[in-house]
Structure formats: C-alpha cells, structure tokens
Amino acid sequence: MMMPNFRFSGPSSAAVDQTRQAAMTWYLSLVFLALISCGVGFALETVTGNIGHIKNGREHNTGAAILPTIPVIPAMYLLAPLGLNHLHHNSGYMAVPVYGVASIAIRVVQYR
C-alpha cells in the first residue's frame, strides 16, 4: 500500500530561524537603546539638579535615582513593540526606535 505524499506548506526551518534571529537582534538593540536613553536621562537629571543647587547657593552634589528607571524603561521599550506588532505587522520594530532616538535627541538639544 502506497502512502500519500503530503507536503508541509509552512515556512521552512531556516526561514523561521532567520526570523527569530532578526527579532532577537531588534530586541537586543532596543535594550541597548533603552539603556542609552536611561544614561542620557541620568546625566541630564544630574545637571538639572546641580543647576538648581548652584542657583540656591548650595554645593553642586546631586545625583540621579537609577533603581526605578533601569528596569522600567527597558521593559517599556520591549513591551511597546510587542503590542504595536500585534496591531500592525512589524510596526513596533520601526516606531519604538524612532521614538527612542527622537526622545534622546530632544532631551540633548533641550539642554544645549
């Protein structure tokens, strides 16, 4: 008895692996972008605090609180593209990096 020849019509294993690798690369770059955004925010927060101290006649020795920012900002940078990708295919991969670069640029230009 001859067995029917069924062919799997889904994506090949190589294509799935390539898609996963591309997604992982995007998510790792988003974590890196989020950490850069946090670093810029910390530096600008310290500068703003020092300016306030100097204006009030105190010594310039302010710092920045890193604890709530480090876990929250990268998590938002990773969750936002997931949500946007569910709304429209791959839109989150473009919207979140554009937002990240624009927000960093706006904050840096604001303090120049």
PDB file of N, CA and C in Angstrom:
ATOM      1  N   MET A   1       0.835  -1.177   0.000  1.00  0.00           N
ATOM      2  CA  MET A   1       0.000   0.000   0.000  1.00  0.00           C
ATOM      3  C   MET A   1       0.881   1.242   0.000  1.00  0.00           C
ATOM      4  N   MET A   2       0.558   2.169  -0.860  1.00  0.00           N
ATOM      5  CA  MET A   2       1.347   3.369  -1.028  1.00  0.00           C
ATOM      6  C   MET A   2       0.825   4.477  -0.115  1.00  0.00           C
ATOM      7  N   MET A   3       1.752   5.178   0.546  1.00  0.00           N
ATOM      8  CA  MET A   3       1.388   6.280   1.435  1.00  0.00           C
ATOM      9  C   MET A   3       1.264   7.570   0.621  1.00  0.00           C
ATOM     10  N   PRO A   4       0.293   8.384   0.952  1.00  0.00           N
ATOM     11  CA  PRO A   4       0.160   9.657   0.224  1.00  0.00           C
ATOM     12  C   PRO A   4       1.348  10.572   0.530  1.00  0.00           C
ATOM     13  N   ASN A   5       1.691  11.381  -0.409  1.00  0.00           N
ATOM     14  CA  ASN A   5       2.816  12.296  -0.279  1.00  0.00           C
ATOM     15  C   ASN A   5       2.293  13.670   0.161  1.00  0.00           C
ATOM     16  N   PHE A   6       2.314  13.908   1.456  1.00  0.00           N
ATOM     17  CA  PHE A   6       1.867  15.197   1.986  1.00  0.00           C
ATOM     18  C   PHE A   6       3.071  16.106   2.126  1.00  0.00           C
ATOM     19  N   ARG A   7       2.922  17.312   1.680  1.00  0.00           N
ATOM     20  CA  ARG A   7       3.998  18.289   1.804  1.00  0.00           C
ATOM     21  C   ARG A   7       3.572  19.367   2.794  1.00  0.00           C
ATOM     22  N   PHE A   8       4.501  19.726   3.625  1.00  0.00           N
ATOM     23  CA  PHE A   8       4.265  20.814   4.571  1.00  0.00           C
ATOM     24  C   PHE A   8       4.435  22.124   3.825  1.00  0.00           C
ATOM     25  N   SER A   9       3.403  22.932   3.832  1.00  0.00           N
ATOM     26  CA  SER A   9       3.451  24.166   3.052  1.00  0.00           C
ATOM     27  C   SER A   9       3.819  25.384   3.890  1.00  0.00           C
ATOM     28  N   GLY A  10       4.181  25.190   5.152  1.00  0.00           N
ATOM     29  CA  GLY A  10       4.561  26.313   6.014  1.00  0.00           C
ATOM     30  C   GLY A  10       5.976  26.767   5.731  1.00  0.00           C
ATOM     31  N   PRO A  11       6.432  27.748   6.494  1.00  0.00           N
ATOM     32  CA  PRO A  11       7.784  28.257   6.281  1.00  0.00           C
ATOM     33  C   PRO A  11       8.822  27.191   6.640  1.00  0.00           C
ATOM     34  N   SER A  12       9.943  27.252   5.966  1.00  0.00           N
ATOM     35  CA  SER A  12      10.997  26.285   6.233  1.00  0.00           C
ATOM     36  C   SER A  12      11.651  26.582   7.573  1.00  0.00           C
ATOM     37  N   SER A  13      12.354  25.627   8.080  1.00  0.00           N
ATOM     38  CA  SER A  13      13.032  25.784   9.366  1.00  0.00           C
ATOM     39  C   SER A  13      14.063  26.903   9.301  1.00  0.00           C
ATOM     40  N   ALA A  14      14.746  27.035   8.192  1.00  0.00           N
ATOM     41  CA  ALA A  14      15.751  28.090   8.037  1.00  0.00           C
ATOM     42  C   ALA A  14      15.097  29.471   8.071  1.00  0.00           C
ATOM     43  N   ALA A  15      13.929  29.597   7.442  1.00  0.00           N
ATOM     44  CA  ALA A  15      13.230  30.883   7.435  1.00  0.00           C
ATOM     45  C   ALA A  15      12.757  31.250   8.832  1.00  0.00           C
ATOM     46  N   VAL A  16      12.284  30.270   9.586  1.00  0.00           N
ATOM     47  CA  VAL A  16      11.834  30.518  10.959  1.00  0.00           C
ATOM     48  C   VAL A  16      13.018  30.926  11.823  1.00  0.00           C
ATOM     49  N   ASP A  17      14.147  30.235  11.674  1.00  0.00           N
ATOM     50  CA  ASP A  17      15.347  30.579  12.438  1.00  0.00           C
ATOM     51  C   ASP A  17      15.843  31.975  12.089  1.00  0.00           C
ATOM     52  N   GLN A  18      15.778  32.340  10.832  1.00  0.00           N
ATOM     53  CA  GLN A  18      16.211  33.665  10.401  1.00  0.00           C
ATOM     54  C   GLN A  18      15.294  34.737  10.976  1.00  0.00           C
ATOM     55  N   THR A  19      13.989  34.480  11.007  1.00  0.00           N
ATOM     56  CA  THR A  19      13.040  35.429  11.573  1.00  0.00           C
ATOM     57  C   THR A  19      13.272  35.592  13.070  1.00  0.00           C
ATOM     58  N   ARG A  20      13.501  34.502  13.761  1.00  0.00           N
ATOM     59  CA  ARG A  20      13.778  34.582  15.205  1.00  0.00           C
ATOM     60  C   ARG A  20      15.064  35.343  15.473  1.00  0.00           C
ATOM     61  N   GLN A  21      16.070  35.120  14.666  1.00  0.00           N
ATOM     62  CA  GLN A  21      17.332  35.815  14.845  1.00  0.00           C
ATOM     63  C   GLN A  21      17.170  37.307  14.590  1.00  0.00           C
ATOM     64  N   ALA A  22      16.407  37.674  13.589  1.00  0.00           N
ATOM     65  CA  ALA A  22      16.161  39.089  13.308  1.00  0.00           C
ATOM     66  C   ALA A  22      15.389  39.743  14.452  1.00  0.00           C
ATOM     67  N   ALA A  23      14.388  39.047  14.974  1.00  0.00           N
ATOM     68  CA  ALA A  23      13.623  39.590  16.093  1.00  0.00           C
ATOM     69  C   ALA A  23      14.507  39.747  17.326  1.00  0.00           C
ATOM     70  N   MET A  24      15.349  38.773  17.593  1.00  0.00           N
ATOM     71  CA  MET A  24      16.244  38.853  18.744  1.00  0.00           C
ATOM     72  C   MET A  24      17.210  40.024  18.592  1.00  0.00           C
ATOM     73  N   THR A  25      17.709  40.235  17.380  1.00  0.00           N
ATOM     74  CA  THR A  25      18.599  41.365  17.124  1.00  0.00           C
ATOM     75  C   THR A  25      17.888  42.683  17.383  1.00  0.00           C
ATOM     76  N   TRP A  26      16.634  42.797  16.926  1.00  0.00           N
ATOM     77  CA  TRP A  26      15.865  44.016  17.170  1.00  0.00           C
ATOM     78  C   TRP A  26      15.648  44.242  18.658  1.00  0.00           C
ATOM     79  N   TYR A  27      15.289  43.198  19.380  1.00  0.00           N
ATOM     80  CA  TYR A  27      15.024  43.360  20.804  1.00  0.00           C
ATOM     81  C   TYR A  27      16.295  43.684  21.577  1.00  0.00           C
ATOM     82  N   LEU A  28      17.422  43.093  21.210  1.00  0.00           N
ATOM     83  CA  LEU A  28      18.680  43.445  21.870  1.00  0.00           C
ATOM     84  C   LEU A  28      19.081  44.888  21.571  1.00  0.00           C
ATOM     85  N   SER A  29      18.848  45.333  20.349  1.00  0.00           N
ATOM     86  CA  SER A  29      19.151  46.730  20.019  1.00  0.00           C
ATOM     87  C   SER A  29      18.207  47.676  20.755  1.00  0.00           C
ATOM     88  N   LEU A  30      16.966  47.255  20.994  1.00  0.00           N
ATOM     89  CA  LEU A  30      16.048  48.090  21.766  1.00  0.00           C
ATOM     90  C   LEU A  30      16.475  48.184  23.224  1.00  0.00           C
ATOM     91  N   VAL A  31      16.984  47.102  23.786  1.00  0.00           N
ATOM     92  CA  VAL A  31      17.504  47.159  25.164  1.00  0.00           C
ATOM     93  C   VAL A  31      18.691  48.105  25.219  1.00  0.00           C
ATOM     94  N   PHE A  32      19.576  48.018  24.236  1.00  0.00           N
ATOM     95  CA  PHE A  32      20.724  48.919  24.178  1.00  0.00           C
ATOM     96  C   PHE A  32      20.268  50.376  24.053  1.00  0.00           C
ATOM     97  N   LEU A  33      19.297  50.638  23.202  1.00  0.00           N
ATOM     98  CA  LEU A  33      18.758  51.985  23.036  1.00  0.00           C
ATOM     99  C   LEU A  33      18.100  52.479  24.326  1.00  0.00           C
ATOM    100  N   ALA A  34      17.404  51.597  25.023  1.00  0.00           N
ATOM    101  CA  ALA A  34      16.773  51.970  26.289  1.00  0.00           C
ATOM    102  C   ALA A  34      17.819  52.319  27.339  1.00  0.00           C
ATOM    103  N   LEU A  35      18.903  51.576  27.382  1.00  0.00           N
ATOM    104  CA  LEU A  35      19.965  51.880  28.350  1.00  0.00           C
ATOM    105  C   LEU A  35      20.661  53.192  28.012  1.00  0.00           C
ATOM    106  N   ILE A  36      20.832  53.480  26.733  1.00  0.00           N
ATOM    107  CA  ILE A  36      21.380  54.782  26.331  1.00  0.00           C
ATOM    108  C   ILE A  36      20.427  55.895  26.755  1.00  0.00           C
ATOM    109  N   SER A  37      19.148  55.685  26.540  1.00  0.00           N
ATOM    110  CA  SER A  37      18.146  56.672  26.948  1.00  0.00           C
ATOM    111  C   SER A  37      18.195  56.904  28.454  1.00  0.00           C
ATOM    112  N   CYS A  38      18.344  55.840  29.223  1.00  0.00           N
ATOM    113  CA  CYS A  38      18.459  55.974  30.683  1.00  0.00           C
ATOM    114  C   CYS A  38      19.717  56.749  31.049  1.00  0.00           C
ATOM    115  N   GLY A  39      20.831  56.452  30.397  1.00  0.00           N
ATOM    116  CA  GLY A  39      22.081  57.160  30.681  1.00  0.00           C
ATOM    117  C   GLY A  39      21.981  58.640  30.391  1.00  0.00           C
ATOM    118  N   VAL A  40      21.378  58.995  29.266  1.00  0.00           N
ATOM    119  CA  VAL A  40      21.177  60.404  28.937  1.00  0.00           C
ATOM    120  C   VAL A  40      20.267  61.056  29.975  1.00  0.00           C
ATOM    121  N   GLY A  41      19.226  60.356  30.365  1.00  0.00           N
ATOM    122  CA  GLY A  41      18.314  60.890  31.380  1.00  0.00           C
ATOM    123  C   GLY A  41      18.995  61.106  32.716  1.00  0.00           C
ATOM    124  N   PHE A  42      19.857  60.159  33.120  1.00  0.00           N
ATOM    125  CA  PHE A  42      20.585  60.311  34.383  1.00  0.00           C
ATOM    126  C   PHE A  42      21.508  61.518  34.339  1.00  0.00           C
ATOM    127  N   ALA A  43      22.242  61.653  33.234  1.00  0.00           N
ATOM    128  CA  ALA A  43      23.169  62.783  33.109  1.00  0.00           C
ATOM    129  C   ALA A  43      22.425  64.113  33.137  1.00  0.00           C
ATOM    130  N   LEU A  44      21.326  64.201  32.410  1.00  0.00           N
ATOM    131  CA  LEU A  44      20.580  65.451  32.373  1.00  0.00           C
ATOM    132  C   LEU A  44      19.882  65.736  33.700  1.00  0.00           C
ATOM    133  N   GLU A  45      19.446  64.682  34.395  1.00  0.00           N
ATOM    134  CA  GLU A  45      18.842  64.873  35.715  1.00  0.00           C
ATOM    135  C   GLU A  45      19.871  65.419  36.697  1.00  0.00           C
ATOM    136  N   THR A  46      21.084  64.921  36.627  1.00  0.00           N
ATOM    137  CA  THR A  46      22.151  65.401  37.500  1.00  0.00           C
ATOM    138  C   THR A  46      22.494  66.852  37.184  1.00  0.00           C
ATOM    139  N   VAL A  47      22.593  67.187  35.907  1.00  0.00           N
ATOM    140  CA  VAL A  47      22.898  68.566  35.508  1.00  0.00           C
ATOM    141  C   VAL A  47      21.798  69.504  35.980  1.00  0.00           C
ATOM    142  N   THR A  48      20.553  69.119  35.785  1.00  0.00           N
ATOM    143  CA  THR A  48      19.428  69.955  36.218  1.00  0.00           C
ATOM    144  C   THR A  48      19.454  70.157  37.730  1.00  0.00           C
ATOM    145  N   GLY A  49      19.716  69.099  38.474  1.00  0.00           N
ATOM    146  CA  GLY A  49      19.790  69.218  39.929  1.00  0.00           C
ATOM    147  C   GLY A  49      20.931  70.106  40.374  1.00  0.00           C
ATOM    148  N   ASN A  50      22.087  69.989  39.707  1.00  0.00           N
ATOM    149  CA  ASN A  50      23.228  70.834  40.056  1.00  0.00           C
ATOM    150  C   ASN A  50      22.962  72.298  39.743  1.00  0.00           C
ATOM    151  N   ILE A  51      22.282  72.568  38.644  1.00  0.00           N
ATOM    152  CA  ILE A  51      21.925  73.953  38.319  1.00  0.00           C
ATOM    153  C   ILE A  51      21.028  74.527  39.403  1.00  0.00           C
ATOM    154  N   GLY A  52      20.051  73.736  39.854  1.00  0.00           N
ATOM    155  CA  GLY A  52      19.174  74.193  40.943  1.00  0.00           C
ATOM    156  C   GLY A  52      19.938  74.424  42.228  1.00  0.00           C
ATOM    157  N   HIS A  53      20.896  73.571  42.531  1.00  0.00           N
ATOM    158  CA  HIS A  53      21.704  73.749  43.746  1.00  0.00           C
ATOM    159  C   HIS A  53      22.528  75.029  43.668  1.00  0.00           C
ATOM    160  N   ILE A  54      23.159  75.266  42.530  1.00  0.00           N
ATOM    161  CA  ILE A  54      24.004  76.449  42.382  1.00  0.00           C
ATOM    162  C   ILE A  54      23.171  77.725  42.442  1.00  0.00           C
ATOM    163  N   LYS A  55      21.985  77.716  41.823  1.00  0.00           N
ATOM    164  CA  LYS A  55      21.110  78.896  41.874  1.00  0.00           C
ATOM    165  C   LYS A  55      20.680  79.224  43.294  1.00  0.00           C
ATOM    166  N   ASN A  56      20.569  78.204  44.131  1.00  0.00           N
ATOM    167  CA  ASN A  56      20.156  78.420  45.518  1.00  0.00           C
ATOM    168  C   ASN A  56      21.342  78.561  46.469  1.00  0.00           C
ATOM    169  N   GLY A  57      22.554  78.672  45.934  1.00  0.00           N
ATOM    170  CA  GLY A  57      23.730  78.909  46.756  1.00  0.00           C
ATOM    171  C   GLY A  57      24.258  77.680  47.478  1.00  0.00           C
ATOM    172  N   ARG A  58      23.904  76.505  47.021  1.00  0.00           N
ATOM    173  CA  ARG A  58      24.403  75.281  47.657  1.00  0.00           C
ATOM    174  C   ARG A  58      25.484  74.650  46.796  1.00  0.00           C
ATOM    175  N   GLU A  59      26.174  73.662  47.391  1.00  0.00           N
ATOM    176  CA  GLU A  59      27.206  72.941  46.661  1.00  0.00           C
ATOM    177  C   GLU A  59      26.561  72.037  45.613  1.00  0.00           C
ATOM    178  N   HIS A  60      27.202  71.904  44.481  1.00  0.00           N
ATOM    179  CA  HIS A  60      26.658  71.068  43.396  1.00  0.00           C
ATOM    180  C   HIS A  60      27.061  69.610  43.619  1.00  0.00           C
ATOM    181  N   ASN A  61      26.169  68.837  44.234  1.00  0.00           N
ATOM    182  CA  ASN A  61      26.466  67.424  44.528  1.00  0.00           C
ATOM    183  C   ASN A  61      25.229  66.536  44.364  1.00  0.00           C
ATOM    184  N   THR A  62      24.452  66.796  43.346  1.00  0.00           N
ATOM    185  CA  THR A  62      23.241  65.986  43.144  1.00  0.00           C
ATOM    186  C   THR A  62      23.564  64.689  42.413  1.00  0.00           C
ATOM    187  N   GLY A  63      22.626  63.780  42.451  1.00  0.00           N
ATOM    188  CA  GLY A  63      22.747  62.508  41.758  1.00  0.00           C
ATOM    189  C   GLY A  63      21.438  62.175  41.081  1.00  0.00           C
ATOM    190  N   ALA A  64      21.365  60.965  40.565  1.00  0.00           N
ATOM    191  CA  ALA A  64      20.153  60.508  39.883  1.00  0.00           C
ATOM    192  C   ALA A  64      19.753  59.158  40.457  1.00  0.00           C
ATOM    193  N   ALA A  65      18.459  58.944  40.620  1.00  0.00           N
ATOM    194  CA  ALA A  65      17.943  57.671  41.123  1.00  0.00           C
ATOM    195  C   ALA A  65      17.840  56.690  39.960  1.00  0.00           C
ATOM    196  N   ILE A  66      18.659  55.630  40.003  1.00  0.00           N
ATOM    197  CA  ILE A  66      18.678  54.699  38.880  1.00  0.00           C
ATOM    198  C   ILE A  66      17.761  53.500  39.070  1.00  0.00           C
ATOM    199  N   LEU A  67      17.369  53.216  40.314  1.00  0.00           N
ATOM    200  CA  LEU A  67      16.642  51.966  40.567  1.00  0.00           C
ATOM    201  C   LEU A  67      15.305  51.848  39.839  1.00  0.00           C
ATOM    202  N   PRO A  68      14.389  52.795  39.944  1.00  0.00           N
ATOM    203  CA  PRO A  68      13.134  52.536  39.224  1.00  0.00           C
ATOM    204  C   PRO A  68      13.266  52.692  37.712  1.00  0.00           C
ATOM    205  N   THR A  69      14.256  53.440  37.268  1.00  0.00           N
ATOM    206  CA  THR A  69      14.379  53.717  35.839  1.00  0.00           C
ATOM    207  C   THR A  69      14.931  52.528  35.062  1.00  0.00           C
ATOM    208  N   ILE A  70      15.977  51.892  35.563  1.00  0.00           N
ATOM    209  CA  ILE A  70      16.637  50.816  34.814  1.00  0.00           C
ATOM    210  C   ILE A  70      15.690  49.653  34.497  1.00  0.00           C
ATOM    211  N   PRO A  71      14.897  49.135  35.421  1.00  0.00           N
ATOM    212  CA  PRO A  71      14.021  48.034  34.995  1.00  0.00           C
ATOM    213  C   PRO A  71      12.792  48.492  34.204  1.00  0.00           C
ATOM    214  N   VAL A  72      12.297  49.691  34.477  1.00  0.00           N
ATOM    215  CA  VAL A  72      11.036  50.126  33.868  1.00  0.00           C
ATOM    216  C   VAL A  72      11.219  50.553  32.411  1.00  0.00           C
ATOM    217  N   ILE A  73      12.198  51.382  32.126  1.00  0.00           N
ATOM    218  CA  ILE A  73      12.374  51.913  30.771  1.00  0.00           C
ATOM    219  C   ILE A  73      12.701  50.792  29.767  1.00  0.00           C
ATOM    220  N   PRO A  74      13.674  49.905  30.040  1.00  0.00           N
ATOM    221  CA  PRO A  74      13.891  48.809  29.075  1.00  0.00           C
ATOM    222  C   PRO A  74      12.667  47.904  28.914  1.00  0.00           C
ATOM    223  N   ALA A  75      11.919  47.689  29.988  1.00  0.00           N
ATOM    224  CA  ALA A  75      10.705  46.867  29.869  1.00  0.00           C
ATOM    225  C   ALA A  75       9.690  47.531  28.939  1.00  0.00           C
ATOM    226  N   MET A  76       9.540  48.851  29.050  1.00  0.00           N
ATOM    227  CA  MET A  76       8.618  49.559  28.160  1.00  0.00           C
ATOM    228  C   MET A  76       9.107  49.526  26.712  1.00  0.00           C
ATOM    229  N   TYR A  77      10.418  49.646  26.528  1.00  0.00           N
ATOM    230  CA  TYR A  77      10.972  49.576  25.176  1.00  0.00           C
ATOM    231  C   TYR A  77      10.775  48.196  24.561  1.00  0.00           C
ATOM    232  N   LEU A  78      10.645  47.158  25.372  1.00  0.00           N
ATOM    233  CA  LEU A  78      10.429  45.812  24.842  1.00  0.00           C
ATOM    234  C   LEU A  78       8.947  45.470  24.705  1.00  0.00           C
ATOM    235  N   LEU A  79       8.120  45.978  25.605  1.00  0.00           N
ATOM    236  CA  LEU A  79       6.688  45.669  25.547  1.00  0.00           C
ATOM    237  C   LEU A  79       5.958  46.486  24.485  1.00  0.00           C
ATOM    238  N   ALA A  80       6.389  47.708  24.255  1.00  0.00           N
ATOM    239  CA  ALA A  80       5.723  48.559  23.258  1.00  0.00           C
ATOM    240  C   ALA A  80       5.768  47.951  21.854  1.00  0.00           C
ATOM    241  N   PRO A  81       6.915  47.447  21.373  1.00  0.00           N
ATOM    242  CA  PRO A  81       6.881  46.850  20.030  1.00  0.00           C
ATOM    243  C   PRO A  81       6.052  45.580  19.961  1.00  0.00           C
ATOM    244  N   LEU A  82       6.014  44.834  21.060  1.00  0.00           N
ATOM    245  CA  LEU A  82       5.163  43.640  21.050  1.00  0.00           C
ATOM    246  C   LEU A  82       3.699  44.027  20.825  1.00  0.00           C
ATOM    247  N   GLY A  83       3.238  45.035  21.554  1.00  0.00           N
ATOM    248  CA  GLY A  83       1.857  45.494  21.391  1.00  0.00           C
ATOM    249  C   GLY A  83       1.605  46.083  20.021  1.00  0.00           C
ATOM    250  N   LEU A  84       2.539  46.910  19.543  1.00  0.00           N
ATOM    251  CA  LEU A  84       2.366  47.519  18.222  1.00  0.00           C
ATOM    252  C   LEU A  84       2.425  46.476  17.104  1.00  0.00           C
ATOM    253  N   ASN A  85       3.241  45.446  17.286  1.00  0.00           N
ATOM    254  CA  ASN A  85       3.315  44.397  16.266  1.00  0.00           C
ATOM    255  C   ASN A  85       2.032  43.584  16.193  1.00  0.00           C
ATOM    256  N   HIS A  86       1.309  43.500  17.295  1.00  0.00           N
ATOM    257  CA  HIS A  86       0.016  42.810  17.262  1.00  0.00           C
ATOM    258  C   HIS A  86      -1.035  43.659  16.550  1.00  0.00           C
ATOM    259  N   LEU A  87      -0.904  44.976  16.632  1.00  0.00           N
ATOM    260  CA  LEU A  87      -1.852  45.852  15.944  1.00  0.00           C
ATOM    261  C   LEU A  87      -1.585  45.894  14.441  1.00  0.00           C
ATOM    262  N   HIS A  88      -0.322  46.027  14.068  1.00  0.00           N
ATOM    263  CA  HIS A  88       0.046  46.094  12.662  1.00  0.00           C
ATOM    264  C   HIS A  88       1.391  45.402  12.497  1.00  0.00           C
ATOM    265  N   HIS A  89       1.501  44.538  11.520  1.00  0.00           N
ATOM    266  CA  HIS A  89       2.678  43.688  11.335  1.00  0.00           C
ATOM    267  C   HIS A  89       3.971  44.505  11.271  1.00  0.00           C
ATOM    268  N   ASN A  90       4.879  44.259  12.212  1.00  0.00           N
ATOM    269  CA  ASN A  90       6.219  44.847  12.283  1.00  0.00           C
ATOM    270  C   ASN A  90       6.245  46.365  12.446  1.00  0.00           C
ATOM    271  N   SER A  91       5.162  46.980  12.842  1.00  0.00           N
ATOM    272  CA  SER A  91       5.194  48.435  13.047  1.00  0.00           C
ATOM    273  C   SER A  91       5.962  48.811  14.303  1.00  0.00           C
ATOM    274  N   GLY A  92       5.958  47.943  15.291  1.00  0.00           N
ATOM    275  CA  GLY A  92       6.670  48.232  16.527  1.00  0.00           C
ATOM    276  C   GLY A  92       8.172  48.274  16.346  1.00  0.00           C
ATOM    277  N   TYR A  93       8.681  47.504  15.377  1.00  0.00           N
ATOM    278  CA  TYR A  93      10.118  47.487  15.137  1.00  0.00           C
ATOM    279  C   TYR A  93      10.618  48.805  14.577  1.00  0.00           C
ATOM    280  N   MET A  94       9.737  49.597  14.018  1.00  0.00           N
ATOM    281  CA  MET A  94      10.153  50.890  13.492  1.00  0.00           C
ATOM    282  C   MET A  94       9.737  52.046  14.401  1.00  0.00           C
ATOM    283  N   ALA A  95       8.574  51.956  15.012  1.00  0.00           N
ATOM    284  CA  ALA A  95       8.058  53.068  15.819  1.00  0.00           C
ATOM    285  C   ALA A  95       8.876  53.287  17.086  1.00  0.00           C
ATOM    286  N   VAL A  96       9.223  52.231  17.776  1.00  0.00           N
ATOM    287  CA  VAL A  96       9.918  52.377  19.058  1.00  0.00           C
ATOM    288  C   VAL A  96      11.346  52.901  18.867  1.00  0.00           C
ATOM    289  N   PRO A  97      12.140  52.400  17.927  1.00  0.00           N
ATOM    290  CA  PRO A  97      13.465  53.007  17.738  1.00  0.00           C
ATOM    291  C   PRO A  97      13.400  54.473  17.309  1.00  0.00           C
ATOM    292  N   VAL A  98      12.441  54.812  16.465  1.00  0.00           N
ATOM    293  CA  VAL A  98      12.293  56.211  16.060  1.00  0.00           C
ATOM    294  C   VAL A  98      11.951  57.068  17.278  1.00  0.00           C
ATOM    295  N   TYR A  99      11.045  56.580  18.118  1.00  0.00           N
ATOM    296  CA  TYR A  99      10.723  57.304  19.349  1.00  0.00           C
ATOM    297  C   TYR A  99      11.946  57.438  20.247  1.00  0.00           C
ATOM    298  N   GLY A 100      12.704  56.360  20.402  1.00  0.00           N
ATOM    299  CA  GLY A 100      13.875  56.381  21.275  1.00  0.00           C
ATOM    300  C   GLY A 100      14.913  57.386  20.821  1.00  0.00           C
ATOM    301  N   VAL A 101      15.255  57.357  19.544  1.00  0.00           N
ATOM    302  CA  VAL A 101      16.251  58.290  19.015  1.00  0.00           C
ATOM    303  C   VAL A 101      15.731  59.725  19.100  1.00  0.00           C
ATOM    304  N   ALA A 102      14.461  59.937  18.770  1.00  0.00           N
ATOM    305  CA  ALA A 102      13.895  61.285  18.833  1.00  0.00           C
ATOM    306  C   ALA A 102      13.864  61.814  20.265  1.00  0.00           C
ATOM    307  N   SER A 103      13.500  60.977  21.235  1.00  0.00           N
ATOM    308  CA  SER A 103      13.436  61.452  22.618  1.00  0.00           C
ATOM    309  C   SER A 103      14.825  61.766  23.155  1.00  0.00           C
ATOM    310  N   ILE A 104      15.836  60.962  22.790  1.00  0.00           N
ATOM    311  CA  ILE A 104      17.201  61.259  23.212  1.00  0.00           C
ATOM    312  C   ILE A 104      17.667  62.569  22.586  1.00  0.00           C
ATOM    313  N   ALA A 105      17.414  62.753  21.297  1.00  0.00           N
ATOM    314  CA  ALA A 105      17.829  63.972  20.609  1.00  0.00           C
ATOM    315  C   ALA A 105      17.141  65.207  21.187  1.00  0.00           C
ATOM    316  N   ILE A 106      15.869  65.109  21.466  1.00  0.00           N
ATOM    317  CA  ILE A 106      15.128  66.252  22.037  1.00  0.00           C
ATOM    318  C   ILE A 106      15.686  66.612  23.399  1.00  0.00           C
ATOM    319  N   ARG A 107      15.947  65.605  24.238  1.00  0.00           N
ATOM    320  CA  ARG A 107      16.481  65.906  25.574  1.00  0.00           C
ATOM    321  C   ARG A 107      17.867  66.524  25.509  1.00  0.00           C
ATOM    322  N   VAL A 108      18.716  66.050  24.603  1.00  0.00           N
ATOM    323  CA  VAL A 108      20.067  66.606  24.494  1.00  0.00           C
ATOM    324  C   VAL A 108      20.015  68.013  23.951  1.00  0.00           C
ATOM    325  N   VAL A 109      19.219  68.250  22.907  1.00  0.00           N
ATOM    326  CA  VAL A 109      19.117  69.589  22.318  1.00  0.00           C
ATOM    327  C   VAL A 109      18.490  70.567  23.313  1.00  0.00           C
ATOM    328  N   GLN A 110      17.592  70.108  24.120  1.00  0.00           N
ATOM    329  CA  GLN A 110      16.925  70.963  25.108  1.00  0.00           C
ATOM    330  C   GLN A 110      17.924  71.558  26.102  1.00  0.00           C
ATOM    331  N   TYR A 111      18.989  70.839  26.415  1.00  0.00           N
ATOM    332  CA  TYR A 111      19.951  71.302  27.403  1.00  0.00           C
ATOM    333  C   TYR A 111      21.179  71.967  26.803  1.00  0.00           C
ATOM    334  N   ARG A 112      21.207  72.190  25.508  1.00  0.00           N
ATOM    335  CA  ARG A 112      22.352  72.866  24.891  1.00  0.00           C
ATOM    336  C   ARG A 112      22.209  74.343  24.951  1.00  0.00           C
TER     337      ARG A 112
END
